[in-house]
């Protein structure tokens, strides 16, 4: 006598419900991957934090900031990321060299790789871009003197032993005030007592034309995405400085 029970009969779902089930499954998997990816990114960039930074800061009263935003238009996005590393973990501890190497790490690092390739494909073949920095080797070896142009999107406007500031938002060939304008500063401060170096990435985006007088801040989604990008730049740049 056969004592094996027959297999259960599976009911076939209607096409509409099957499609809904697949869609929900894919959405659930996508959401899970997104959460896991963000968790991994957060762990990777855990050493980078943001500190208060707004229009009351002394930076915005310096000559370089006033020159590029003479009307004092309000920033549409402004932030300041920091990361502190013990000097004993760094290959170089001289502040001037550390500042230049930090700048090199930002532009030649993996954090800027995709944007560099995108800008290179779009603009490198255009006229008057021959003296811009395009290749990773150039970006990793440049001294970033004032006037250095980076991938037709950035230009060094100040370089001191403590900082390198670049103008961003449009081609360096556009010398006028721009709807998309701003300054991006890479800075290093050291504390001899604590034997640490703190790396700073400061961003100020402004519409420097007359229309920017009453500009509103960019949507929170842009602000959030920019902070993630800043953290990526910070991590990929500073890790190149470690022993």
C-alpha atoms as a PDB file:
ATOM      1  CA  UNK A   1       0.000   0.000   0.000  1.00  0.00           C
ATOM      2  CA  UNK A   2       1.343   3.434  -0.956  1.00  0.00           C
ATOM      3  CA  UNK A   3       1.632   5.548   2.206  1.00  0.00           C
ATOM      4  CA  UNK A   4       3.339   8.545   0.571  1.00  0.00           C
ATOM      5  CA  UNK A   5       0.998  11.493   0.559  1.00  0.00           C
ATOM      6  CA  UNK A   6       0.536  13.268  -2.784  1.00  0.00           C
ATOM      7  CA  UNK A   7       2.290  16.627  -3.102  1.00  0.00           C
ATOM      8  CA  UNK A   8       0.190  19.654  -2.151  1.00  0.00           C
ATOM      9  CA  UNK A   9      -1.489  21.447  -4.989  1.00  0.00           C
ATOM     10  CA  UNK A  10      -0.099  24.933  -5.464  1.00  0.00           C
ATOM     11  CA  UNK A  11      -2.553  27.525  -6.567  1.00  0.00           C
ATOM     12  CA  UNK A  12      -1.381  29.570  -9.476  1.00  0.00           C
ATOM     13  CA  UNK A  13      -1.652  33.266  -8.788  1.00  0.00           C
ATOM     14  CA  UNK A  14      -3.279  35.531 -11.352  1.00  0.00           C
ATOM     15  CA  UNK A  15      -0.784  37.435 -13.554  1.00  0.00           C
ATOM     16  CA  UNK A  16      -1.521  40.738 -11.819  1.00  0.00           C
ATOM     17  CA  UNK A  17      -0.729  39.361  -8.371  1.00  0.00           C
ATOM     18  CA  UNK A  18       2.399  37.600  -9.643  1.00  0.00           C
ATOM     19  CA  UNK A  19       3.698  40.873 -11.067  1.00  0.00           C
ATOM     20  CA  UNK A  20       2.898  42.648  -7.800  1.00  0.00           C
ATOM     21  CA  UNK A  21       4.720  39.951  -5.840  1.00  0.00           C
ATOM     22  CA  UNK A  22       7.799  40.216  -8.041  1.00  0.00           C
ATOM     23  CA  UNK A  23       7.753  44.002  -7.787  1.00  0.00           C
ATOM     24  CA  UNK A  24       7.467  43.890  -4.009  1.00  0.00           C
ATOM     25  CA  UNK A  25      10.269  41.340  -3.830  1.00  0.00           C
ATOM     26  CA  UNK A  26      12.563  43.457  -5.983  1.00  0.00           C
ATOM     27  CA  UNK A  27      11.681  46.571  -4.031  1.00  0.00           C
ATOM     28  CA  UNK A  28      12.394  44.776  -0.763  1.00  0.00           C
ATOM     29  CA  UNK A  29      15.727  43.492  -2.047  1.00  0.00           C
ATOM     30  CA  UNK A  30      16.619  46.942  -3.382  1.00  0.00           C
ATOM     31  CA  UNK A  31      15.728  48.580  -0.076  1.00  0.00           C
ATOM     32  CA  UNK A  32      17.795  46.009   1.803  1.00  0.00           C
ATOM     33  CA  UNK A  33      20.805  46.582  -0.448  1.00  0.00           C
ATOM     34  CA  UNK A  34      20.379  50.326  -0.048  1.00  0.00           C
ATOM     35  CA  UNK A  35      20.319  50.053   3.739  1.00  0.00           C
ATOM     36  CA  UNK A  36      23.330  47.747   3.764  1.00  0.00           C
ATOM     37  CA  UNK A  37      25.199  50.012   1.340  1.00  0.00           C
ATOM     38  CA  UNK A  38      24.491  53.106   3.420  1.00  0.00           C
ATOM     39  CA  UNK A  39      25.510  51.284   6.601  1.00  0.00           C
ATOM     40  CA  UNK A  40      28.791  50.254   4.965  1.00  0.00           C
ATOM     41  CA  UNK A  41      29.416  53.773   3.699  1.00  0.00           C
ATOM     42  CA  UNK A  42      28.646  55.234   7.116  1.00  0.00           C
ATOM     43  CA  UNK A  43      31.161  52.877   8.707  1.00  0.00           C
ATOM     44  CA  UNK A  44      33.820  53.675   6.086  1.00  0.00           C
ATOM     45  CA  UNK A  45      33.374  57.445   6.587  1.00  0.00           C
ATOM     46  CA  UNK A  46      32.784  57.346  10.357  1.00  0.00           C
ATOM     47  CA  UNK A  47      35.909  59.423  11.005  1.00  0.00           C
ATOM     48  CA  UNK A  48      34.518  62.423   9.120  1.00  0.00           C
ATOM     49  CA  UNK A  49      32.074  64.722  10.867  1.00  0.00           C
ATOM     50  CA  UNK A  50      30.482  68.099  10.157  1.00  0.00           C
ATOM     51  CA  UNK A  51      30.843  71.124  12.387  1.00  0.00           C
ATOM     52  CA  UNK A  52      28.839  74.370  12.528  1.00  0.00           C
ATOM     53  CA  UNK A  53      29.596  76.680   9.602  1.00  0.00           C
ATOM     54  CA  UNK A  54      27.520  79.596   8.366  1.00  0.00           C
ATOM     55  CA  UNK A  55      27.705  83.196   7.157  1.00  0.00           C
ATOM     56  CA  UNK A  56      28.846  84.431  10.579  1.00  0.00           C
ATOM     57  CA  UNK A  57      32.169  82.595  10.190  1.00  0.00           C
ATOM     58  CA  UNK A  58      35.290  84.719   9.691  1.00  0.00           C
ATOM     59  CA  UNK A  59      36.040  82.895   6.419  1.00  0.00           C
ATOM     60  CA  UNK A  60      33.324  84.800   4.604  1.00  0.00           C
ATOM     61  CA  UNK A  61      34.907  88.105   5.604  1.00  0.00           C
ATOM     62  CA  UNK A  62      38.326  87.294   4.087  1.00  0.00           C
ATOM     63  CA  UNK A  63      39.511  89.061   0.910  1.00  0.00           C
ATOM     64  CA  UNK A  64      39.224  85.940  -1.248  1.00  0.00           C
ATOM     65  CA  UNK A  65      35.593  85.365  -0.252  1.00  0.00           C
ATOM     66  CA  UNK A  66      34.661  89.026  -0.654  1.00  0.00           C
ATOM     67  CA  UNK A  67      36.327  89.159  -4.063  1.00  0.00           C
ATOM     68  CA  UNK A  68      34.283  86.266  -5.385  1.00  0.00           C
ATOM     69  CA  UNK A  69      31.022  87.322  -3.762  1.00  0.00           C
ATOM     70  CA  UNK A  70      31.236  91.127  -3.511  1.00  0.00           C
ATOM     71  CA  UNK A  71      27.483  91.561  -3.028  1.00  0.00           C
ATOM     72  CA  UNK A  72      27.465  89.198  -0.075  1.00  0.00           C
ATOM     73  CA  UNK A  73      24.775  86.989  -1.586  1.00  0.00           C
ATOM     74  CA  UNK A  74      23.613  84.219   0.767  1.00  0.00           C
ATOM     75  CA  UNK A  75      25.029  80.710   0.217  1.00  0.00           C
ATOM     76  CA  UNK A  76      22.658  78.131  -1.218  1.00  0.00           C
ATOM     77  CA  UNK A  77      24.775  75.389   0.351  1.00  0.00           C
ATOM     78  CA  UNK A  78      27.478  75.696   3.004  1.00  0.00           C
ATOM     79  CA  UNK A  79      29.190  73.034   5.095  1.00  0.00           C
ATOM     80  CA  UNK A  80      32.424  72.179   6.884  1.00  0.00           C
ATOM     81  CA  UNK A  81      33.681  68.610   7.271  1.00  0.00           C
ATOM     82  CA  UNK A  82      36.576  67.650   9.565  1.00  0.00           C
ATOM     83  CA  UNK A  83      38.662  64.586  10.311  1.00  0.00           C
ATOM     84  CA  UNK A  84      41.430  64.347  12.931  1.00  0.00           C
ATOM     85  CA  UNK A  85      44.360  61.928  12.600  1.00  0.00           C
ATOM     86  CA  UNK A  86      47.329  61.368  14.967  1.00  0.00           C
ATOM     87  CA  UNK A  87      50.557  62.707  13.474  1.00  0.00           C
ATOM     88  CA  UNK A  88      52.219  59.358  14.162  1.00  0.00           C
ATOM     89  CA  UNK A  89      49.977  57.736  11.543  1.00  0.00           C
ATOM     90  CA  UNK A  90      50.900  60.175   8.765  1.00  0.00           C
ATOM     91  CA  UNK A  91      53.704  59.826   6.232  1.00  0.00           C
ATOM     92  CA  UNK A  92      54.343  63.585   6.314  1.00  0.00           C
ATOM     93  CA  UNK A  93      53.926  65.991   9.247  1.00  0.00           C
ATOM     94  CA  UNK A  94      55.230  69.279   7.853  1.00  0.00           C
ATOM     95  CA  UNK A  95      52.105  71.416   7.617  1.00  0.00           C
ATOM     96  CA  UNK A  96      52.824  73.012   4.241  1.00  0.00           C
ATOM     97  CA  UNK A  97      53.615  69.659   2.617  1.00  0.00           C
ATOM     98  CA  UNK A  98      50.672  68.057   4.379  1.00  0.00           C
ATOM     99  CA  UNK A  99      48.334  70.698   2.961  1.00  0.00           C
ATOM    100  CA  UNK A 100      49.571  70.185  -0.596  1.00  0.00           C
ATOM    101  CA  UNK A 101      49.438  66.399  -0.256  1.00  0.00           C
ATOM    102  CA  UNK A 102      45.910  66.588   1.139  1.00  0.00           C
ATOM    103  CA  UNK A 103      44.894  68.657  -1.880  1.00  0.00           C
ATOM    104  CA  UNK A 104      46.568  66.135  -4.185  1.00  0.00           C
ATOM    105  CA  UNK A 105      44.690  63.330  -2.469  1.00  0.00           C
ATOM    106  CA  UNK A 106      41.343  65.026  -3.003  1.00  0.00           C
ATOM    107  CA  UNK A 107      41.784  65.397  -6.762  1.00  0.00           C
ATOM    108  CA  UNK A 108      43.707  62.209  -7.551  1.00  0.00           C
ATOM    109  CA  UNK A 109      41.778  59.984  -5.157  1.00  0.00           C
ATOM    110  CA  UNK A 110      38.952  57.571  -5.877  1.00  0.00           C
ATOM    111  CA  UNK A 111      36.415  60.027  -4.499  1.00  0.00           C
ATOM    112  CA  UNK A 112      36.910  62.300  -7.504  1.00  0.00           C
ATOM    113  CA  UNK A 113      37.566  59.556 -10.074  1.00  0.00           C
ATOM    114  CA  UNK A 114      34.078  59.356 -11.602  1.00  0.00           C
ATOM    115  CA  UNK A 115      33.601  63.120 -11.834  1.00  0.00           C
ATOM    116  CA  UNK A 116      37.104  63.505 -13.287  1.00  0.00           C
ATOM    117  CA  UNK A 117      36.388  61.006 -16.048  1.00  0.00           C
ATOM    118  CA  UNK A 118      33.016  62.594 -16.792  1.00  0.00           C
ATOM    119  CA  UNK A 119      34.464  66.098 -17.093  1.00  0.00           C
ATOM    120  CA  UNK A 120      37.396  64.803 -19.133  1.00  0.00           C
ATOM    121  CA  UNK A 121      35.140  63.178 -21.725  1.00  0.00           C
ATOM    122  CA  UNK A 122      32.926  66.251 -21.935  1.00  0.00           C
ATOM    123  CA  UNK A 123      35.435  69.113 -21.927  1.00  0.00           C
ATOM    124  CA  UNK A 124      39.051  68.046 -22.475  1.00  0.00           C
ATOM    125  CA  UNK A 125      38.865  68.252 -26.281  1.00  0.00           C
ATOM    126  CA  UNK A 126      37.519  71.821 -26.242  1.00  0.00           C
ATOM    127  CA  UNK A 127      39.725  74.793 -27.042  1.00  0.00           C
ATOM    128  CA  UNK A 128      41.872  76.469 -24.389  1.00  0.00           C
ATOM    129  CA  UNK A 129      41.790  73.496 -22.004  1.00  0.00           C
ATOM    130  CA  UNK A 130      45.309  72.287 -22.796  1.00  0.00           C
ATOM    131  CA  UNK A 131      46.798  73.669 -19.571  1.00  0.00           C
ATOM    132  CA  UNK A 132      44.175  72.118 -17.290  1.00  0.00           C
ATOM    133  CA  UNK A 133      44.960  69.135 -15.071  1.00  0.00           C
ATOM    134  CA  UNK A 134      43.164  66.050 -16.361  1.00  0.00           C
ATOM    135  CA  UNK A 135      45.152  62.891 -15.617  1.00  0.00           C
ATOM    136  CA  UNK A 136      45.395  61.232 -12.204  1.00  0.00           C
ATOM    137  CA  UNK A 137      49.182  61.462 -12.308  1.00  0.00           C
ATOM    138  CA  UNK A 138      49.037  65.206 -12.968  1.00  0.00           C
ATOM    139  CA  UNK A 139      46.559  65.630 -10.140  1.00  0.00           C
ATOM    140  CA  UNK A 140      48.742  63.577  -7.791  1.00  0.00           C
ATOM    141  CA  UNK A 141      51.924  65.553  -8.547  1.00  0.00           C
ATOM    142  CA  UNK A 142      50.798  69.161  -9.055  1.00  0.00           C
ATOM    143  CA  UNK A 143      51.888  71.852  -6.592  1.00  0.00           C
ATOM    144  CA  UNK A 144      48.476  73.550  -7.015  1.00  0.00           C
ATOM    145  CA  UNK A 145      49.886  77.026  -7.449  1.00  0.00           C
ATOM    146  CA  UNK A 146      47.436  79.905  -7.751  1.00  0.00           C
ATOM    147  CA  UNK A 147      45.903  79.824 -11.218  1.00  0.00           C
ATOM    148  CA  UNK A 148      46.058  76.025 -11.582  1.00  0.00           C
ATOM    149  CA  UNK A 149      42.974  74.810 -13.455  1.00  0.00           C
ATOM    150  CA  UNK A 150      41.430  71.431 -12.670  1.00  0.00           C
ATOM    151  CA  UNK A 151      39.289  69.538 -15.209  1.00  0.00           C
ATOM    152  CA  UNK A 152      37.614  72.690 -16.537  1.00  0.00           C
ATOM    153  CA  UNK A 153      35.626  73.048 -13.325  1.00  0.00           C
ATOM    154  CA  UNK A 154      37.978  74.289 -10.597  1.00  0.00           C
ATOM    155  CA  UNK A 155      40.711  76.918 -10.324  1.00  0.00           C
ATOM    156  CA  UNK A 156      43.116  77.532  -7.453  1.00  0.00           C
ATOM    157  CA  UNK A 157      42.588  81.064  -6.129  1.00  0.00           C
ATOM    158  CA  UNK A 158      44.611  80.845  -2.904  1.00  0.00           C
ATOM    159  CA  UNK A 159      47.405  78.598  -1.646  1.00  0.00           C
ATOM    160  CA  UNK A 160      49.068  79.064   1.746  1.00  0.00           C
ATOM    161  CA  UNK A 161      50.854  76.601   4.058  1.00  0.00           C
ATOM    162  CA  UNK A 162      47.483  75.994   5.769  1.00  0.00           C
ATOM    163  CA  UNK A 163      44.999  75.868   2.903  1.00  0.00           C
ATOM    164  CA  UNK A 164      44.254  75.566  -0.794  1.00  0.00           C
ATOM    165  CA  UNK A 165      41.091  77.275  -2.016  1.00  0.00           C
ATOM    166  CA  UNK A 166      39.587  76.611  -5.426  1.00  0.00           C
ATOM    167  CA  UNK A 167      36.769  78.381  -7.198  1.00  0.00           C
ATOM    168  CA  UNK A 168      34.127  75.982  -8.518  1.00  0.00           C
ATOM    169  CA  UNK A 169      30.757  75.826 -10.234  1.00  0.00           C
ATOM    170  CA  UNK A 170      31.728  76.653 -13.821  1.00  0.00           C
ATOM    171  CA  UNK A 171      34.675  76.689 -16.197  1.00  0.00           C
ATOM    172  CA  UNK A 172      37.689  78.751 -15.050  1.00  0.00           C
ATOM    173  CA  UNK A 173      37.431  80.394 -18.483  1.00  0.00           C
ATOM    174  CA  UNK A 174      34.280  82.117 -17.223  1.00  0.00           C
ATOM    175  CA  UNK A 175      35.716  84.957 -15.150  1.00  0.00           C
ATOM    176  CA  UNK A 176      32.366  86.651 -14.527  1.00  0.00           C
ATOM    177  CA  UNK A 177      30.106  86.142 -11.545  1.00  0.00           C
ATOM    178  CA  UNK A 178      27.990  83.064 -12.088  1.00  0.00           C
ATOM    179  CA  UNK A 179      24.600  81.606 -11.137  1.00  0.00           C
ATOM    180  CA  UNK A 180      26.550  78.497 -10.130  1.00  0.00           C
ATOM    181  CA  UNK A 181      29.598  79.696  -8.233  1.00  0.00           C
ATOM    182  CA  UNK A 182      31.458  78.936  -5.058  1.00  0.00           C
ATOM    183  CA  UNK A 183      34.646  78.275  -3.163  1.00  0.00           C
ATOM    184  CA  UNK A 184      35.953  74.958  -1.932  1.00  0.00           C
ATOM    185  CA  UNK A 185      38.720  74.976   0.676  1.00  0.00           C
ATOM    186  CA  UNK A 186      41.067  72.147   1.670  1.00  0.00           C
ATOM    187  CA  UNK A 187      42.777  73.000   4.956  1.00  0.00           C
ATOM    188  CA  UNK A 188      45.036  71.420   7.558  1.00  0.00           C
ATOM    189  CA  UNK A 189      45.528  72.487  11.166  1.00  0.00           C
ATOM    190  CA  UNK A 190      47.935  70.792  13.580  1.00  0.00           C
ATOM    191  CA  UNK A 191      47.974  70.532  17.357  1.00  0.00           C
ATOM    192  CA  UNK A 192      51.468  69.953  18.721  1.00  0.00           C
ATOM    193  CA  UNK A 193      50.214  69.301  22.246  1.00  0.00           C
ATOM    194  CA  UNK A 194      47.800  66.603  21.128  1.00  0.00           C
ATOM    195  CA  UNK A 195      50.080  65.505  18.277  1.00  0.00           C
ATOM    196  CA  UNK A 196      47.231  65.517  15.776  1.00  0.00           C
ATOM    197  CA  UNK A 197      46.410  66.965  12.380  1.00  0.00           C
ATOM    198  CA  UNK A 198      42.867  67.999  11.520  1.00  0.00           C
ATOM    199  CA  UNK A 199      41.764  68.057   7.892  1.00  0.00           C
ATOM    200  CA  UNK A 200      39.035  70.424   6.764  1.00  0.00           C
ATOM    201  CA  UNK A 201      36.839  70.508   3.673  1.00  0.00           C
ATOM    202  CA  UNK A 202      34.803  73.702   3.484  1.00  0.00           C
ATOM    203  CA  UNK A 203      32.233  74.340   0.758  1.00  0.00           C
ATOM    204  CA  UNK A 204      30.331  77.536   0.009  1.00  0.00           C
ATOM    205  CA  UNK A 205      28.042  77.533  -3.037  1.00  0.00           C
ATOM    206  CA  UNK A 206      26.592  80.894  -4.058  1.00  0.00           C
ATOM    207  CA  UNK A 207      24.758  82.521  -6.937  1.00  0.00           C
ATOM    208  CA  UNK A 208      27.134  85.484  -7.235  1.00  0.00           C
ATOM    209  CA  UNK A 209      25.073  87.302  -9.894  1.00  0.00           C
ATOM    210  CA  UNK A 210      22.594  90.062  -8.932  1.00  0.00           C
ATOM    211  CA  UNK A 211      19.821  87.448  -9.115  1.00  0.00           C
ATOM    212  CA  UNK A 212      21.399  85.650  -6.160  1.00  0.00           C
ATOM    213  CA  UNK A 213      20.646  88.417  -3.680  1.00  0.00           C
ATOM    214  CA  UNK A 214      17.586  86.603  -2.320  1.00  0.00           C
ATOM    215  CA  UNK A 215      18.585  83.042  -3.209  1.00  0.00           C
ATOM    216  CA  UNK A 216      17.028  80.245  -1.178  1.00  0.00           C
ATOM    217  CA  UNK A 217      19.000  77.241   0.117  1.00  0.00           C
ATOM    218  CA  UNK A 218      19.121  74.224  -2.159  1.00  0.00           C
ATOM    219  CA  UNK A 219      16.696  71.360  -1.390  1.00  0.00           C
ATOM    220  CA  UNK A 220      17.666  69.090   1.490  1.00  0.00           C
ATOM    221  CA  UNK A 221      18.231  66.181  -0.919  1.00  0.00           C
ATOM    222  CA  UNK A 222      21.043  68.101  -2.628  1.00  0.00           C
ATOM    223  CA  UNK A 223      22.488  69.150   0.717  1.00  0.00           C
ATOM    224  CA  UNK A 224      22.421  65.545   1.952  1.00  0.00           C
ATOM    225  CA  UNK A 225      23.997  64.183  -1.257  1.00  0.00           C
ATOM    226  CA  UNK A 226      26.711  66.838  -1.135  1.00  0.00           C
ATOM    227  CA  UNK A 227      27.628  65.878   2.428  1.00  0.00           C
ATOM    228  CA  UNK A 228      27.933  62.225   1.414  1.00  0.00           C
ATOM    229  CA  UNK A 229      30.193  63.247  -1.475  1.00  0.00           C
ATOM    230  CA  UNK A 230      32.273  65.426   0.834  1.00  0.00           C
ATOM    231  CA  UNK A 231      32.745  62.543   3.260  1.00  0.00           C
ATOM    232  CA  UNK A 232      33.866  60.326   0.394  1.00  0.00           C
ATOM    233  CA  UNK A 233      36.408  62.935  -0.751  1.00  0.00           C
ATOM    234  CA  UNK A 234      37.703  63.331   2.794  1.00  0.00           C
ATOM    235  CA  UNK A 235      38.163  59.620   3.372  1.00  0.00           C
ATOM    236  CA  UNK A 236      39.775  58.813   0.034  1.00  0.00           C
ATOM    237  CA  UNK A 237      42.103  61.822   0.337  1.00  0.00           C
ATOM    238  CA  UNK A 238      43.251  61.308   3.932  1.00  0.00           C
ATOM    239  CA  UNK A 239      43.779  57.567   3.555  1.00  0.00           C
ATOM    240  CA  UNK A 240      46.406  58.314   0.903  1.00  0.00           C
ATOM    241  CA  UNK A 241      48.359  60.219   3.577  1.00  0.00           C
ATOM    242  CA  UNK A 242      48.602  57.336   6.035  1.00  0.00           C
ATOM    243  CA  UNK A 243      51.747  55.284   6.559  1.00  0.00           C
END
